Protein backbone atom coordinates (compact mmCIF):
# COMPACT_ATOMS: atom_id res chain seq x y z
CA ARG A 1 -0.14 -4.70 4.86
CA TYR A 2 -1.80 -6.28 7.82
CA PRO A 3 -0.79 -9.80 8.88
CA ASN A 4 -3.25 -12.46 7.86
CA PRO A 5 -5.28 -14.24 10.58
CA GLN A 6 -3.05 -17.34 10.45
CA LYS A 7 0.09 -15.29 11.13
CA ARG A 8 -1.66 -13.50 13.98
CA LEU A 9 -2.67 -16.86 15.45
CA GLU A 10 0.90 -18.19 15.16
CA ALA A 11 2.37 -15.00 16.65
CA GLY A 12 0.71 -15.48 20.02
CA PHE A 13 -0.83 -12.95 22.37
CA ASP A 14 2.31 -10.86 23.06
CA LYS A 15 2.97 -10.29 19.37
CA LEU A 16 -0.72 -9.64 18.72
CA ILE A 17 -0.52 -6.63 21.03
CA GLU A 18 2.44 -5.27 19.00
CA ILE A 19 0.62 -5.87 15.73
CA LYS A 20 -2.44 -3.95 16.90
CA ARG A 21 -0.49 -1.00 18.34
CA LEU A 22 -1.28 2.17 16.42
CA THR A 23 1.51 4.70 16.91
CA ALA A 24 1.26 8.33 15.86
CA SER A 25 3.29 7.74 12.69
CA ASN A 26 1.23 4.66 11.82
CA SER A 27 -2.01 6.54 12.39
CA ARG A 28 -0.98 9.20 9.86
CA ALA A 29 -0.17 6.50 7.30
CA PHE A 30 -3.47 4.81 8.15
CA CYS A 31 -5.40 8.04 7.49
CA ARG A 32 -3.56 8.61 4.19
CA ALA A 33 -4.43 5.08 3.09
CA LEU A 34 -8.10 5.62 3.95
CA LYS A 35 -8.20 8.79 1.86
CA SER A 36 -6.30 7.33 -1.10
CA SER A 37 -9.06 5.20 -2.60
CA PRO A 38 -12.39 3.50 -1.90
CA ASN A 39 -10.68 0.14 -2.44
CA HIS A 40 -8.23 0.85 0.37
CA GLN A 41 -11.14 1.81 2.61
CA ILE A 42 -12.85 -1.51 1.93
CA GLU A 43 -9.62 -3.50 2.40
CA ILE A 44 -8.83 -1.77 5.70
CA ARG A 45 -12.40 -2.15 6.96
CA ASN A 46 -12.38 -5.86 6.15
CA SER A 47 -9.01 -6.32 7.84
CA LEU A 48 -10.20 -4.51 10.97
CA ASP A 49 -13.38 -6.59 11.05
CA LYS A 50 -11.29 -9.79 10.89
CA THR A 51 -8.94 -8.51 13.61
CA ILE A 52 -11.84 -7.65 15.89
CA ASP A 53 -13.49 -11.03 15.29
CA PHE A 54 -10.15 -12.79 15.88
CA SER A 55 -9.49 -10.88 19.13
CA TYR A 56 -13.03 -11.53 20.32
CA SER A 57 -12.70 -15.26 19.66
CA LEU A 58 -9.41 -15.34 21.62
CA SER A 59 -11.12 -13.87 24.66
CA PHE A 60 -13.41 -16.92 24.85
CA SER A 61 -10.79 -19.63 24.22
């Protein structure tokens, strides 16, 4: 599971970088999750959208 926006906010910038890191092993798991069901695709897309919005808002704070 991905951390919720509140946990990402509390983690701070250094931890945010670790959270967003996509290693080779994580990328394989990510691809398997995308293929497993349409619901996973929607959940992952929504999580990525929130992460991108969150990161974008941090750049202007």
